[in-house]
Amino acid sequence: MTVDTQTPIEKLVRAFAAKDLSQALDCFTEDALFFDPHYPQPQMQGKVAIQEGFQFAFGILKQPGFTVRHLWTADNSGALEVDTNHVFQDGSEAHFPQVFVFETRDNLLTRLQAYVPYPPPAA
């Protein structure tokens, strides 16, 4: 029997990079909160809202990419620092660092929040 020692955030990064919606959603509790300023609706509460957000992302991204710099975990929380390297459907690219702070319950994500080193665009 193989024991999967990956954290839920590591599983999510792998699923997101593969654009595997089902596997990505399996990383979250039903009532999870996901906040990311890159999405049209930055705050997504529950799997249905998270699914809609990921469908948006997978639609505009040709190849999502994250290189993990550091992962810190403690009890039921942690932080993940990544270099983000996305390729969009039109061939343009985005390269920037970001940090995700997360909380877990029963080895599933209950909260995931992205922090980026720049302000959001002016409305």
PDB file of N, CA and C in Angstrom:
ATOM      1  N   MET A   1       0.841  -1.186   0.000  1.00  0.00           N
ATOM      2  CA  MET A   1       0.000   0.000   0.000  1.00  0.00           C
ATOM      3  C   MET A   1       0.886   1.248   0.000  1.00  0.00           C
ATOM      4  N   THR A   2       0.603   2.154  -0.912  1.00  0.00           N
ATOM      5  CA  THR A   2       1.348   3.400  -0.999  1.00  0.00           C
ATOM      6  C   THR A   2       0.631   4.475  -0.203  1.00  0.00           C
ATOM      7  N   VAL A   3       1.370   5.176   0.616  1.00  0.00           N
ATOM      8  CA  VAL A   3       0.804   6.265   1.402  1.00  0.00           C
ATOM      9  C   VAL A   3       1.115   7.572   0.688  1.00  0.00           C
ATOM     10  N   ASP A   4       0.088   8.376   0.431  1.00  0.00           N
ATOM     11  CA  ASP A   4       0.261   9.668  -0.210  1.00  0.00           C
ATOM     12  C   ASP A   4       0.618  10.682   0.866  1.00  0.00           C
ATOM     13  N   THR A   5       1.836  11.173   0.829  1.00  0.00           N
ATOM     14  CA  THR A   5       2.287  12.111   1.857  1.00  0.00           C
ATOM     15  C   THR A   5       2.174  13.557   1.409  1.00  0.00           C
ATOM     16  N   GLN A   6       1.630  13.798   0.240  1.00  0.00           N
ATOM     17  CA  GLN A   6       1.486  15.176  -0.215  1.00  0.00           C
ATOM     18  C   GLN A   6       0.396  15.894   0.562  1.00  0.00           C
ATOM     19  N   THR A   7       0.631  17.153   0.814  1.00  0.00           N
ATOM     20  CA  THR A   7      -0.372  17.988   1.469  1.00  0.00           C
ATOM     21  C   THR A   7      -1.465  18.321   0.454  1.00  0.00           C
ATOM     22  N   PRO A   8      -2.624  18.757   0.926  1.00  0.00           N
ATOM     23  CA  PRO A   8      -3.689  19.139  -0.014  1.00  0.00           C
ATOM     24  C   PRO A   8      -3.247  20.252  -0.971  1.00  0.00           C
ATOM     25  N   ILE A   9      -2.412  21.168  -0.494  1.00  0.00           N
ATOM     26  CA  ILE A   9      -1.972  22.264  -1.370  1.00  0.00           C
ATOM     27  C   ILE A   9      -1.056  21.739  -2.469  1.00  0.00           C
ATOM     28  N   GLU A  10      -0.228  20.765  -2.170  1.00  0.00           N
ATOM     29  CA  GLU A  10       0.635  20.172  -3.196  1.00  0.00           C
ATOM     30  C   GLU A  10      -0.204  19.417  -4.232  1.00  0.00           C
ATOM     31  N   LYS A  11      -1.224  18.718  -3.765  1.00  0.00           N
ATOM     32  CA  LYS A  11      -2.129  18.019  -4.682  1.00  0.00           C
ATOM     33  C   LYS A  11      -2.846  19.015  -5.589  1.00  0.00           C
ATOM     34  N   LEU A  12      -3.260  20.149  -5.006  1.00  0.00           N
ATOM     35  CA  LEU A  12      -3.956  21.166  -5.783  1.00  0.00           C
ATOM     36  C   LEU A  12      -3.047  21.769  -6.844  1.00  0.00           C
ATOM     37  N   VAL A  13      -1.822  22.087  -6.491  1.00  0.00           N
ATOM     38  CA  VAL A  13      -0.888  22.654  -7.464  1.00  0.00           C
ATOM     39  C   VAL A  13      -0.695  21.689  -8.634  1.00  0.00           C
ATOM     40  N   ARG A  14      -0.540  20.419  -8.339  1.00  0.00           N
ATOM     41  CA  ARG A  14      -0.355  19.411  -9.384  1.00  0.00           C
ATOM     42  C   ARG A  14      -1.611  19.313 -10.264  1.00  0.00           C
ATOM     43  N   ALA A  15      -2.780  19.285  -9.652  1.00  0.00           N
ATOM     44  CA  ALA A  15      -4.033  19.179 -10.412  1.00  0.00           C
ATOM     45  C   ALA A  15      -4.280  20.434 -11.248  1.00  0.00           C
ATOM     46  N   PHE A  16      -3.993  21.608 -10.670  1.00  0.00           N
ATOM     47  CA  PHE A  16      -4.211  22.860 -11.390  1.00  0.00           C
ATOM     48  C   PHE A  16      -3.296  22.933 -12.609  1.00  0.00           C
ATOM     49  N   ALA A  17      -2.036  22.564 -12.436  1.00  0.00           N
ATOM     50  CA  ALA A  17      -1.088  22.589 -13.552  1.00  0.00           C
ATOM     51  C   ALA A  17      -1.524  21.637 -14.664  1.00  0.00           C
ATOM     52  N   ALA A  18      -2.183  20.548 -14.309  1.00  0.00           N
ATOM     53  CA  ALA A  18      -2.682  19.576 -15.290  1.00  0.00           C
ATOM     54  C   ALA A  18      -4.057  19.970 -15.838  1.00  0.00           C
ATOM     55  N   LYS A  19      -4.614  21.060 -15.321  1.00  0.00           N
ATOM     56  CA  LYS A  19      -5.965  21.501 -15.677  1.00  0.00           C
ATOM     57  C   LYS A  19      -6.979  20.392 -15.427  1.00  0.00           C
ATOM     58  N   ASP A  20      -6.788  19.685 -14.328  1.00  0.00           N
ATOM     59  CA  ASP A  20      -7.664  18.580 -13.938  1.00  0.00           C
ATOM     60  C   ASP A  20      -8.677  19.106 -12.927  1.00  0.00           C
ATOM     61  N   LEU A  21      -9.820  19.521 -13.415  1.00  0.00           N
ATOM     62  CA  LEU A  21     -10.836  20.159 -12.581  1.00  0.00           C
ATOM     63  C   LEU A  21     -11.305  19.243 -11.462  1.00  0.00           C
ATOM     64  N   SER A  22     -11.574  18.005 -11.768  1.00  0.00           N
ATOM     65  CA  SER A  22     -12.068  17.072 -10.767  1.00  0.00           C
ATOM     66  C   SER A  22     -11.071  16.883  -9.626  1.00  0.00           C
ATOM     67  N   GLN A  23      -9.819  16.645  -9.973  1.00  0.00           N
ATOM     68  CA  GLN A  23      -8.790  16.459  -8.944  1.00  0.00           C
ATOM     69  C   GLN A  23      -8.571  17.740  -8.144  1.00  0.00           C
ATOM     70  N   ALA A  24      -8.640  18.885  -8.798  1.00  0.00           N
ATOM     71  CA  ALA A  24      -8.472  20.161  -8.097  1.00  0.00           C
ATOM     72  C   ALA A  24      -9.598  20.363  -7.079  1.00  0.00           C
ATOM     73  N   LEU A  25     -10.826  20.092  -7.488  1.00  0.00           N
ATOM     74  CA  LEU A  25     -11.959  20.275  -6.578  1.00  0.00           C
ATOM     75  C   LEU A  25     -11.928  19.280  -5.431  1.00  0.00           C
ATOM     76  N   ASP A  26     -11.373  18.099  -5.670  1.00  0.00           N
ATOM     77  CA  ASP A  26     -11.269  17.094  -4.615  1.00  0.00           C
ATOM     78  C   ASP A  26     -10.353  17.528  -3.470  1.00  0.00           C
ATOM     79  N   CYS A  27      -9.611  18.596  -3.652  1.00  0.00           N
ATOM     80  CA  CYS A  27      -8.710  19.104  -2.606  1.00  0.00           C
ATOM     81  C   CYS A  27      -9.428  19.986  -1.587  1.00  0.00           C
ATOM     82  N   PHE A  28     -10.684  20.344  -1.854  1.00  0.00           N
ATOM     83  CA  PHE A  28     -11.429  21.292  -1.021  1.00  0.00           C
ATOM     84  C   PHE A  28     -12.582  20.631  -0.272  1.00  0.00           C
ATOM     85  N   THR A  29     -12.915  21.194   0.892  1.00  0.00           N
ATOM     86  CA  THR A  29     -14.150  20.830   1.583  1.00  0.00           C
ATOM     87  C   THR A  29     -15.313  21.467   0.818  1.00  0.00           C
ATOM     88  N   GLU A  30     -16.521  20.992   1.072  1.00  0.00           N
ATOM     89  CA  GLU A  30     -17.706  21.539   0.395  1.00  0.00           C
ATOM     90  C   GLU A  30     -17.903  23.024   0.674  1.00  0.00           C
ATOM     91  N   ASP A  31     -17.525  23.471   1.875  1.00  0.00           N
ATOM     92  CA  ASP A  31     -17.764  24.859   2.278  1.00  0.00           C
ATOM     93  C   ASP A  31     -16.509  25.724   2.210  1.00  0.00           C
ATOM     94  N   ALA A  32     -15.502  25.290   1.488  1.00  0.00           N
ATOM     95  CA  ALA A  32     -14.216  25.993   1.436  1.00  0.00           C
ATOM     96  C   ALA A  32     -14.359  27.419   0.904  1.00  0.00           C
ATOM     97  N   LEU A  33     -13.420  28.252   1.324  1.00  0.00           N
ATOM     98  CA  LEU A  33     -13.308  29.622   0.836  1.00  0.00           C
ATOM     99  C   LEU A  33     -12.020  29.740   0.044  1.00  0.00           C
ATOM    100  N   PHE A  34     -12.122  30.240  -1.182  1.00  0.00           N
ATOM    101  CA  PHE A  34     -10.956  30.499  -2.023  1.00  0.00           C
ATOM    102  C   PHE A  34     -10.999  31.958  -2.418  1.00  0.00           C
ATOM    103  N   PHE A  35      -9.907  32.676  -2.149  1.00  0.00           N
ATOM    104  CA  PHE A  35      -9.823  34.092  -2.501  1.00  0.00           C
ATOM    105  C   PHE A  35      -8.574  34.300  -3.335  1.00  0.00           C
ATOM    106  N   ASP A  36      -8.768  34.851  -4.541  1.00  0.00           N
ATOM    107  CA  ASP A  36      -7.645  35.144  -5.431  1.00  0.00           C
ATOM    108  C   ASP A  36      -8.018  36.367  -6.268  1.00  0.00           C
ATOM    109  N   PRO A  37      -7.227  37.443  -6.184  1.00  0.00           N
ATOM    110  CA  PRO A  37      -7.569  38.669  -6.905  1.00  0.00           C
ATOM    111  C   PRO A  37      -7.476  38.565  -8.424  1.00  0.00           C
ATOM    112  N   HIS A  38      -6.983  37.461  -8.951  1.00  0.00           N
ATOM    113  CA  HIS A  38      -6.871  37.287 -10.395  1.00  0.00           C
ATOM    114  C   HIS A  38      -8.183  36.875 -11.057  1.00  0.00           C
ATOM    115  N   TYR A  39      -9.160  36.519 -10.278  1.00  0.00           N
ATOM    116  CA  TYR A  39     -10.418  36.005 -10.812  1.00  0.00           C
ATOM    117  C   TYR A  39     -11.461  37.112 -10.901  1.00  0.00           C
ATOM    118  N   PRO A  40     -12.425  36.985 -11.840  1.00  0.00           N
ATOM    119  CA  PRO A  40     -13.492  37.998 -11.938  1.00  0.00           C
ATOM    120  C   PRO A  40     -14.247  38.151 -10.619  1.00  0.00           C
ATOM    121  N   GLN A  41     -14.471  37.055  -9.926  1.00  0.00           N
ATOM    122  CA  GLN A  41     -15.081  37.060  -8.591  1.00  0.00           C
ATOM    123  C   GLN A  41     -13.981  36.594  -7.631  1.00  0.00           C
ATOM    124  N   PRO A  42     -13.250  37.521  -7.002  1.00  0.00           N
ATOM    125  CA  PRO A  42     -12.100  37.122  -6.187  1.00  0.00           C
ATOM    126  C   PRO A  42     -12.433  36.201  -5.011  1.00  0.00           C
ATOM    127  N   GLN A  43     -13.597  36.394  -4.393  1.00  0.00           N
ATOM    128  CA  GLN A  43     -13.970  35.552  -3.251  1.00  0.00           C
ATOM    129  C   GLN A  43     -14.959  34.500  -3.699  1.00  0.00           C
ATOM    130  N   MET A  44     -14.545  33.229  -3.572  1.00  0.00           N
ATOM    131  CA  MET A  44     -15.377  32.110  -3.987  1.00  0.00           C
ATOM    132  C   MET A  44     -15.642  31.230  -2.773  1.00  0.00           C
ATOM    133  N   GLN A  45     -16.900  31.121  -2.376  1.00  0.00           N
ATOM    134  CA  GLN A  45     -17.286  30.352  -1.199  1.00  0.00           C
ATOM    135  C   GLN A  45     -18.005  29.090  -1.646  1.00  0.00           C
ATOM    136  N   GLY A  46     -17.473  27.928  -1.287  1.00  0.00           N
ATOM    137  CA  GLY A  46     -18.075  26.645  -1.631  1.00  0.00           C
ATOM    138  C   GLY A  46     -17.549  26.090  -2.942  1.00  0.00           C
ATOM    139  N   LYS A  47     -17.699  24.785  -3.082  1.00  0.00           N
ATOM    140  CA  LYS A  47     -17.143  24.099  -4.258  1.00  0.00           C
ATOM    141  C   LYS A  47     -17.750  24.567  -5.576  1.00  0.00           C
ATOM    142  N   VAL A  48     -19.028  24.917  -5.578  1.00  0.00           N
ATOM    143  CA  VAL A  48     -19.655  25.360  -6.834  1.00  0.00           C
ATOM    144  C   VAL A  48     -18.990  26.644  -7.315  1.00  0.00           C
ATOM    145  N   ALA A  49     -18.790  27.589  -6.426  1.00  0.00           N
ATOM    146  CA  ALA A  49     -18.142  28.848  -6.798  1.00  0.00           C
ATOM    147  C   ALA A  49     -16.680  28.625  -7.185  1.00  0.00           C
ATOM    148  N   ILE A  50     -15.993  27.749  -6.462  1.00  0.00           N
ATOM    149  CA  ILE A  50     -14.596  27.439  -6.785  1.00  0.00           C
ATOM    150  C   ILE A  50     -14.518  26.763  -8.153  1.00  0.00           C
ATOM    151  N   GLN A  51     -15.450  25.872  -8.438  1.00  0.00           N
ATOM    152  CA  GLN A  51     -15.493  25.214  -9.741  1.00  0.00           C
ATOM    153  C   GLN A  51     -15.656  26.246 -10.848  1.00  0.00           C
ATOM    154  N   GLU A  52     -16.559  27.194 -10.669  1.00  0.00           N
ATOM    155  CA  GLU A  52     -16.768  28.234 -11.680  1.00  0.00           C
ATOM    156  C   GLU A  52     -15.492  29.044 -11.883  1.00  0.00           C
ATOM    157  N   GLY A  53     -14.804  29.358 -10.789  1.00  0.00           N
ATOM    158  CA  GLY A  53     -13.551  30.096 -10.889  1.00  0.00           C
ATOM    159  C   GLY A  53     -12.492  29.315 -11.643  1.00  0.00           C
ATOM    160  N   PHE A  54     -12.357  28.044 -11.327  1.00  0.00           N
ATOM    161  CA  PHE A  54     -11.359  27.220 -12.004  1.00  0.00           C
ATOM    162  C   PHE A  54     -11.709  27.026 -13.476  1.00  0.00           C
ATOM    163  N   GLN A  55     -12.993  26.902 -13.789  1.00  0.00           N
ATOM    164  CA  GLN A  55     -13.386  26.781 -15.198  1.00  0.00           C
ATOM    165  C   GLN A  55     -12.988  28.041 -15.964  1.00  0.00           C
ATOM    166  N   PHE A  56     -13.158  29.199 -15.337  1.00  0.00           N
ATOM    167  CA  PHE A  56     -12.706  30.456 -15.950  1.00  0.00           C
ATOM    168  C   PHE A  56     -11.202  30.401 -16.197  1.00  0.00           C
ATOM    169  N   ALA A  57     -10.442  30.030 -15.163  1.00  0.00           N
ATOM    170  CA  ALA A  57      -8.981  29.999 -15.276  1.00  0.00           C
ATOM    171  C   ALA A  57      -8.523  29.016 -16.353  1.00  0.00           C
ATOM    172  N   PHE A  58      -9.102  27.825 -16.353  1.00  0.00           N
ATOM    173  CA  PHE A  58      -8.699  26.822 -17.333  1.00  0.00           C
ATOM    174  C   PHE A  58      -9.073  27.249 -18.754  1.00  0.00           C
ATOM    175  N   GLY A  59     -10.110  28.076 -18.874  1.00  0.00           N
ATOM    176  CA  GLY A  59     -10.509  28.575 -20.187  1.00  0.00           C
ATOM    177  C   GLY A  59      -9.544  29.603 -20.751  1.00  0.00           C
ATOM    178  N   ILE A  60      -8.934  30.410 -19.899  1.00  0.00           N
ATOM    179  CA  ILE A  60      -8.029  31.451 -20.406  1.00  0.00           C
ATOM    180  C   ILE A  60      -6.569  31.011 -20.402  1.00  0.00           C
ATOM    181  N   LEU A  61      -6.248  29.952 -19.637  1.00  0.00           N
ATOM    182  CA  LEU A  61      -4.863  29.493 -19.550  1.00  0.00           C
ATOM    183  C   LEU A  61      -4.615  28.324 -20.497  1.00  0.00           C
ATOM    184  N   LYS A  62      -3.609  28.483 -21.332  1.00  0.00           N
ATOM    185  CA  LYS A  62      -3.173  27.359 -22.166  1.00  0.00           C
ATOM    186  C   LYS A  62      -2.375  26.388 -21.302  1.00  0.00           C
ATOM    187  N   GLN A  63      -1.477  26.944 -20.468  1.00  0.00           N
ATOM    188  CA  GLN A  63      -0.676  26.114 -19.572  1.00  0.00           C
ATOM    189  C   GLN A  63      -0.428  26.848 -18.264  1.00  0.00           C
ATOM    190  N   PRO A  64      -1.136  26.449 -17.199  1.00  0.00           N
ATOM    191  CA  PRO A  64      -0.839  27.009 -15.888  1.00  0.00           C
ATOM    192  C   PRO A  64       0.536  26.520 -15.437  1.00  0.00           C
ATOM    193  N   GLY A  65       1.219  27.327 -14.670  1.00  0.00           N
ATOM    194  CA  GLY A  65       2.523  26.894 -14.182  1.00  0.00           C
ATOM    195  C   GLY A  65       2.887  27.501 -12.843  1.00  0.00           C
ATOM    196  N   PHE A  66       3.306  26.642 -11.932  1.00  0.00           N
ATOM    197  CA  PHE A  66       3.791  27.081 -10.622  1.00  0.00           C
ATOM    198  C   PHE A  66       5.076  26.331 -10.310  1.00  0.00           C
ATOM    199  N   THR A  67       6.085  27.057  -9.887  1.00  0.00           N
ATOM    200  CA  THR A  67       7.298  26.445  -9.365  1.00  0.00           C
ATOM    201  C   THR A  67       7.317  26.732  -7.868  1.00  0.00           C
ATOM    202  N   VAL A  68       7.285  25.689  -7.074  1.00  0.00           N
ATOM    203  CA  VAL A  68       7.239  25.849  -5.623  1.00  0.00           C
ATOM    204  C   VAL A  68       8.603  26.290  -5.119  1.00  0.00           C
ATOM    205  N   ARG A  69       8.614  27.389  -4.381  1.00  0.00           N
ATOM    206  CA  ARG A  69       9.837  27.866  -3.725  1.00  0.00           C
ATOM    207  C   ARG A  69       9.936  27.311  -2.306  1.00  0.00           C
ATOM    208  N   HIS A  70       8.854  27.497  -1.554  1.00  0.00           N
ATOM    209  CA  HIS A  70       8.842  27.066  -0.153  1.00  0.00           C
ATOM    210  C   HIS A  70       7.431  26.635   0.234  1.00  0.00           C
ATOM    211  N   LEU A  71       7.368  25.664   1.102  1.00  0.00           N
ATOM    212  CA  LEU A  71       6.104  25.223   1.679  1.00  0.00           C
ATOM    213  C   LEU A  71       6.304  25.133   3.182  1.00  0.00           C
ATOM    214  N   TRP A  72       5.457  25.836   3.914  1.00  0.00           N
ATOM    215  CA  TRP A  72       5.486  25.785   5.372  1.00  0.00           C
ATOM    216  C   TRP A  72       4.157  25.229   5.856  1.00  0.00           C
ATOM    217  N   THR A  73       4.194  24.260   6.743  1.00  0.00           N
ATOM    218  CA  THR A  73       2.970  23.723   7.318  1.00  0.00           C
ATOM    219  C   THR A  73       3.116  23.639   8.829  1.00  0.00           C
ATOM    220  N   ALA A  74       1.995  23.819   9.497  1.00  0.00           N
ATOM    221  CA  ALA A  74       1.933  23.698  10.952  1.00  0.00           C
ATOM    222  C   ALA A  74       0.505  23.368  11.323  1.00  0.00           C
ATOM    223  N   ASP A  75       0.334  22.226  11.997  1.00  0.00           N
ATOM    224  CA  ASP A  75      -1.005  21.792  12.376  1.00  0.00           C
ATOM    225  C   ASP A  75      -1.916  21.785  11.159  1.00  0.00           C
ATOM    226  N   ASN A  76      -2.967  22.581  11.180  1.00  0.00           N
ATOM    227  CA  ASN A  76      -3.938  22.596  10.083  1.00  0.00           C
ATOM    228  C   ASN A  76      -3.861  23.869   9.248  1.00  0.00           C
ATOM    229  N   SER A  77      -2.653  24.368   9.037  1.00  0.00           N
ATOM    230  CA  SER A  77      -2.497  25.581   8.245  1.00  0.00           C
ATOM    231  C   SER A  77      -1.111  25.612   7.624  1.00  0.00           C
ATOM    232  N   GLY A  78      -0.901  26.572   6.755  1.00  0.00           N
ATOM    233  CA  GLY A  78       0.409  26.699   6.144  1.00  0.00           C
ATOM    234  C   GLY A  78       0.440  27.804   5.114  1.00  0.00           C
ATOM    235  N   ALA A  79       1.594  27.916   4.465  1.00  0.00           N
ATOM    236  CA  ALA A  79       1.799  28.906   3.412  1.00  0.00           C
ATOM    237  C   ALA A  79       2.646  28.263   2.321  1.00  0.00           C
ATOM    238  N   LEU A  80       2.368  28.653   1.094  1.00  0.00           N
ATOM    239  CA  LEU A  80       3.081  28.151  -0.064  1.00  0.00           C
ATOM    240  C   LEU A  80       3.563  29.346  -0.873  1.00  0.00           C
ATOM    241  N   GLU A  81       4.867  29.423  -1.103  1.00  0.00           N
ATOM    242  CA  GLU A  81       5.443  30.479  -1.933  1.00  0.00           C
ATOM    243  C   GLU A  81       5.782  29.874  -3.289  1.00  0.00           C
ATOM    244  N   VAL A  82       5.321  30.517  -4.357  1.00  0.00           N
ATOM    245  CA  VAL A  82       5.543  29.989  -5.703  1.00  0.00           C
ATOM    246  C   VAL A  82       5.998  31.081  -6.654  1.00  0.00           C
ATOM    247  N   ASP A  83       6.670  30.643  -7.710  1.00  0.00           N
ATOM    248  CA  ASP A  83       6.878  31.472  -8.896  1.00  0.00           C
ATOM    249  C   ASP A  83       5.802  31.046  -9.870  1.00  0.00           C
ATOM    250  N   THR A  84       4.965  31.975 -10.260  1.00  0.00           N
ATOM    251  CA  THR A  84       3.873  31.689 -11.182  1.00  0.00           C
ATOM    252  C   THR A  84       4.339  31.979 -12.596  1.00  0.00           C
ATOM    253  N   ASN A  85       4.116  31.038 -13.481  1.00  0.00           N
ATOM    254  CA  ASN A  85       4.520  31.154 -14.887  1.00  0.00           C
ATOM    255  C   ASN A  85       3.404  30.586 -15.752  1.00  0.00           C
ATOM    256  N   HIS A  86       2.433  31.432 -16.063  1.00  0.00           N
ATOM    257  CA  HIS A  86       1.283  30.986 -16.849  1.00  0.00           C
ATOM    258  C   HIS A  86       1.456  31.367 -18.315  1.00  0.00           C
ATOM    259  N   VAL A  87       0.955  30.504 -19.203  1.00  0.00           N
ATOM    260  CA  VAL A  87       0.856  30.802 -20.631  1.00  0.00           C
ATOM    261  C   VAL A  87      -0.634  30.854 -20.959  1.00  0.00           C
ATOM    262  N   PHE A  88      -1.063  31.964 -21.541  1.00  0.00           N
ATOM    263  CA  PHE A  88      -2.468  32.157 -21.872  1.00  0.00           C
ATOM    264  C   PHE A  88      -2.789  31.617 -23.261  1.00  0.00           C
ATOM    265  N   GLN A  89      -4.064  31.459 -23.531  1.00  0.00           N
ATOM    266  CA  GLN A  89      -4.525  30.909 -24.810  1.00  0.00           C
ATOM    267  C   GLN A  89      -3.987  31.709 -25.997  1.00  0.00           C
ATOM    268  N   ASP A  90      -3.824  33.031 -25.838  1.00  0.00           N
ATOM    269  CA  ASP A  90      -3.340  33.871 -26.943  1.00  0.00           C
ATOM    270  C   ASP A  90      -1.814  33.857 -27.072  1.00  0.00           C
ATOM    271  N   GLY A  91      -1.132  33.069 -26.227  1.00  0.00           N
ATOM    272  CA  GLY A  91       0.319  32.965 -26.291  1.00  0.00           C
ATOM    273  C   GLY A  91       1.054  33.914 -25.365  1.00  0.00           C
ATOM    274  N   SER A  92       0.338  34.879 -24.796  1.00  0.00           N
ATOM    275  CA  SER A  92       1.000  35.783 -23.853  1.00  0.00           C
ATOM    276  C   SER A  92       1.329  35.026 -22.572  1.00  0.00           C
ATOM    277  N   GLU A  93       2.243  35.593 -21.804  1.00  0.00           N
ATOM    278  CA  GLU A  93       2.700  34.934 -20.584  1.00  0.00           C
ATOM    279  C   GLU A  93       2.641  35.883 -19.405  1.00  0.00           C
ATOM    280  N   ALA A  94       2.525  35.303 -18.220  1.00  0.00           N
ATOM    281  CA  ALA A  94       2.568  36.073 -16.972  1.00  0.00           C
ATOM    282  C   ALA A  94       3.541  35.375 -16.036  1.00  0.00           C
ATOM    283  N   HIS A  95       4.460  36.153 -15.488  1.00  0.00           N
ATOM    284  CA  HIS A  95       5.471  35.627 -14.571  1.00  0.00           C
ATOM    285  C   HIS A  95       5.502  36.533 -13.345  1.00  0.00           C
ATOM    286  N   PHE A  96       5.192  35.966 -12.195  1.00  0.00           N
ATOM    287  CA  PHE A  96       5.188  36.749 -10.960  1.00  0.00           C
ATOM    288  C   PHE A  96       5.232  35.810  -9.767  1.00  0.00           C
ATOM    289  N   PRO A  97       5.765  36.294  -8.651  1.00  0.00           N
ATOM    290  CA  PRO A  97       5.750  35.490  -7.433  1.00  0.00           C
ATOM    291  C   PRO A  97       4.423  35.686  -6.709  1.00  0.00           C
ATOM    292  N   GLN A  98       4.024  34.689  -5.949  1.00  0.00           N
ATOM    293  CA  GLN A  98       2.863  34.858  -5.086  1.00  0.00           C
ATOM    294  C   GLN A  98       2.931  33.870  -3.931  1.00  0.00           C
ATOM    295  N   VAL A  99       2.118  34.158  -2.935  1.00  0.00           N
ATOM    296  CA  VAL A  99       2.047  33.321  -1.737  1.00  0.00           C
ATOM    297  C   VAL A  99       0.591  32.934  -1.537  1.00  0.00           C
ATOM    298  N   PHE A 100       0.375  31.672  -1.186  1.00  0.00           N
ATOM    299  CA  PHE A 100      -0.944  31.178  -0.816  1.00  0.00           C
ATOM    300  C   PHE A 100      -0.909  30.798   0.656  1.00  0.00           C
ATOM    301  N   VAL A 101      -1.870  31.298   1.406  1.00  0.00           N
ATOM    302  CA  VAL A 101      -2.043  30.908   2.801  1.00  0.00           C
ATOM    303  C   VAL A 101      -3.245  29.974   2.829  1.00  0.00           C
ATOM    304  N   PHE A 102      -3.118  28.877   3.588  1.00  0.00           N
ATOM    305  CA  PHE A 102      -4.198  27.898   3.558  1.00  0.00           C
ATOM    306  C   PHE A 102      -4.462  27.321   4.941  1.00  0.00           C
ATOM    307  N   GLU A 103      -5.695  26.825   5.086  1.00  0.00           N
ATOM    308  CA  GLU A 103      -6.125  26.100   6.279  1.00  0.00           C
ATOM    309  C   GLU A 103      -6.743  24.790   5.805  1.00  0.00           C
ATOM    310  N   THR A 104      -6.616  23.762   6.639  1.00  0.00           N
ATOM    311  CA  THR A 104      -7.148  22.449   6.272  1.00  0.00           C
ATOM    312  C   THR A 104      -7.970  21.838   7.405  1.00  0.00           C
ATOM    313  N   ARG A 105      -8.783  20.883   7.008  1.00  0.00           N
ATOM    314  CA  ARG A 105      -9.528  20.045   7.946  1.00  0.00           C
ATOM    315  C   ARG A 105      -9.648  18.669   7.296  1.00  0.00           C
ATOM    316  N   ASP A 106      -9.294  17.643   8.029  1.00  0.00           N
ATOM    317  CA  ASP A 106      -9.369  16.276   7.496  1.00  0.00           C
ATOM    318  C   ASP A 106      -8.634  16.135   6.164  1.00  0.00           C
ATOM    319  N   ASN A 107      -7.476  16.793   6.067  1.00  0.00           N
ATOM    320  CA  ASN A 107      -6.604  16.739   4.890  1.00  0.00           C
ATOM    321  C   ASN A 107      -7.254  17.323   3.628  1.00  0.00           C
ATOM    322  N   LEU A 108      -8.176  18.270   3.820  1.00  0.00           N
ATOM    323  CA  LEU A 108      -8.784  19.006   2.715  1.00  0.00           C
ATOM    324  C   LEU A 108      -8.650  20.496   2.999  1.00  0.00           C
ATOM    325  N   LEU A 109      -8.589  21.294   1.949  1.00  0.00           N
ATOM    326  CA  LEU A 109      -8.488  22.740   2.109  1.00  0.00           C
ATOM    327  C   LEU A 109      -9.829  23.329   2.511  1.00  0.00           C
ATOM    328  N   THR A 110      -9.825  24.118   3.573  1.00  0.00           N
ATOM    329  CA  THR A 110     -11.021  24.843   3.991  1.00  0.00           C
ATOM    330  C   THR A 110     -10.927  26.313   3.623  1.00  0.00           C
ATOM    331  N   ARG A 111      -9.698  26.812   3.484  1.00  0.00           N
ATOM    332  CA  ARG A 111      -9.467  28.210   3.112  1.00  0.00           C
ATOM    333  C   ARG A 111      -8.169  28.279   2.336  1.00  0.00           C
ATOM    334  N   LEU A 112      -8.211  29.019   1.226  1.00  0.00           N
ATOM    335  CA  LEU A 112      -7.020  29.255   0.409  1.00  0.00           C
ATOM    336  C   LEU A 112      -7.084  30.697  -0.049  1.00  0.00           C
ATOM    337  N   GLN A 113      -6.049  31.463   0.271  1.00  0.00           N
ATOM    338  CA  GLN A 113      -6.035  32.872  -0.109  1.00  0.00           C
ATOM    339  C   GLN A 113      -4.708  33.213  -0.750  1.00  0.00           C
ATOM    340  N   ALA A 114      -4.778  33.825  -1.937  1.00  0.00           N
ATOM    341  CA  ALA A 114      -3.587  34.228  -2.685  1.00  0.00           C
ATOM    342  C   ALA A 114      -3.203  35.657  -2.313  1.00  0.00           C
ATOM    343  N   TYR A 115      -1.905  35.862  -2.189  1.00  0.00           N
ATOM    344  CA  TYR A 115      -1.345  37.193  -1.961  1.00  0.00           C
ATOM    345  C   TYR A 115      -0.305  37.433  -3.041  1.00  0.00           C
ATOM    346  N   VAL A 116      -0.406  38.586  -3.687  1.00  0.00           N
ATOM    347  CA  VAL A 116       0.506  38.923  -4.772  1.00  0.00           C
ATOM    348  C   VAL A 116       1.279  40.192  -4.416  1.00  0.00           C
ATOM    349  N   PRO A 117       2.462  40.382  -4.989  1.00  0.00           N
ATOM    350  CA  PRO A 117       3.319  41.508  -4.598  1.00  0.00           C
ATOM    351  C   PRO A 117       3.008  42.815  -5.321  1.00  0.00           C
ATOM    352  N   TYR A 118       1.792  42.979  -5.770  1.00  0.00           N
ATOM    353  CA  TYR A 118       1.426  44.206  -6.453  1.00  0.00           C
ATOM    354  C   TYR A 118      -0.049  44.503  -6.186  1.00  0.00           C
ATOM    355  N   PRO A 119      -0.459  45.759  -6.308  1.00  0.00           N
ATOM    356  CA  PRO A 119      -1.874  46.082  -6.081  1.00  0.00           C
ATOM    357  C   PRO A 119      -2.726  45.629  -7.252  1.00  0.00           C
ATOM    358  N   PRO A 120      -4.008  45.393  -7.021  1.00  0.00           N
ATOM    359  CA  PRO A 120      -4.907  45.052  -8.136  1.00  0.00           C
ATOM    360  C   PRO A 120      -5.038  46.261  -9.063  1.00  0.00           C
ATOM    361  N   PRO A 121      -5.451  46.044 -10.313  1.00  0.00           N
ATOM    362  CA  PRO A 121      -5.624  47.174 -11.221  1.00  0.00           C
ATOM    363  C   PRO A 121      -6.725  48.113 -10.729  1.00  0.00           C
ATOM    364  N   ALA A 122      -6.584  49.359 -11.055  1.00  0.00           N
ATOM    365  CA  ALA A 122      -7.580  50.352 -10.670  1.00  0.00           C
ATOM    366  C   ALA A 122      -8.900  50.052 -11.366  1.00  0.00           C
ATOM    367  N   ALA A 123      -9.976  50.250 -10.661  1.00  0.00           N
ATOM    368  CA  ALA A 123     -11.297  49.965 -11.237  1.00  0.00           C
ATOM    369  C   ALA A 123     -11.772  51.100 -12.101  1.00  0.00           C
TER     370      ALA A 123
END
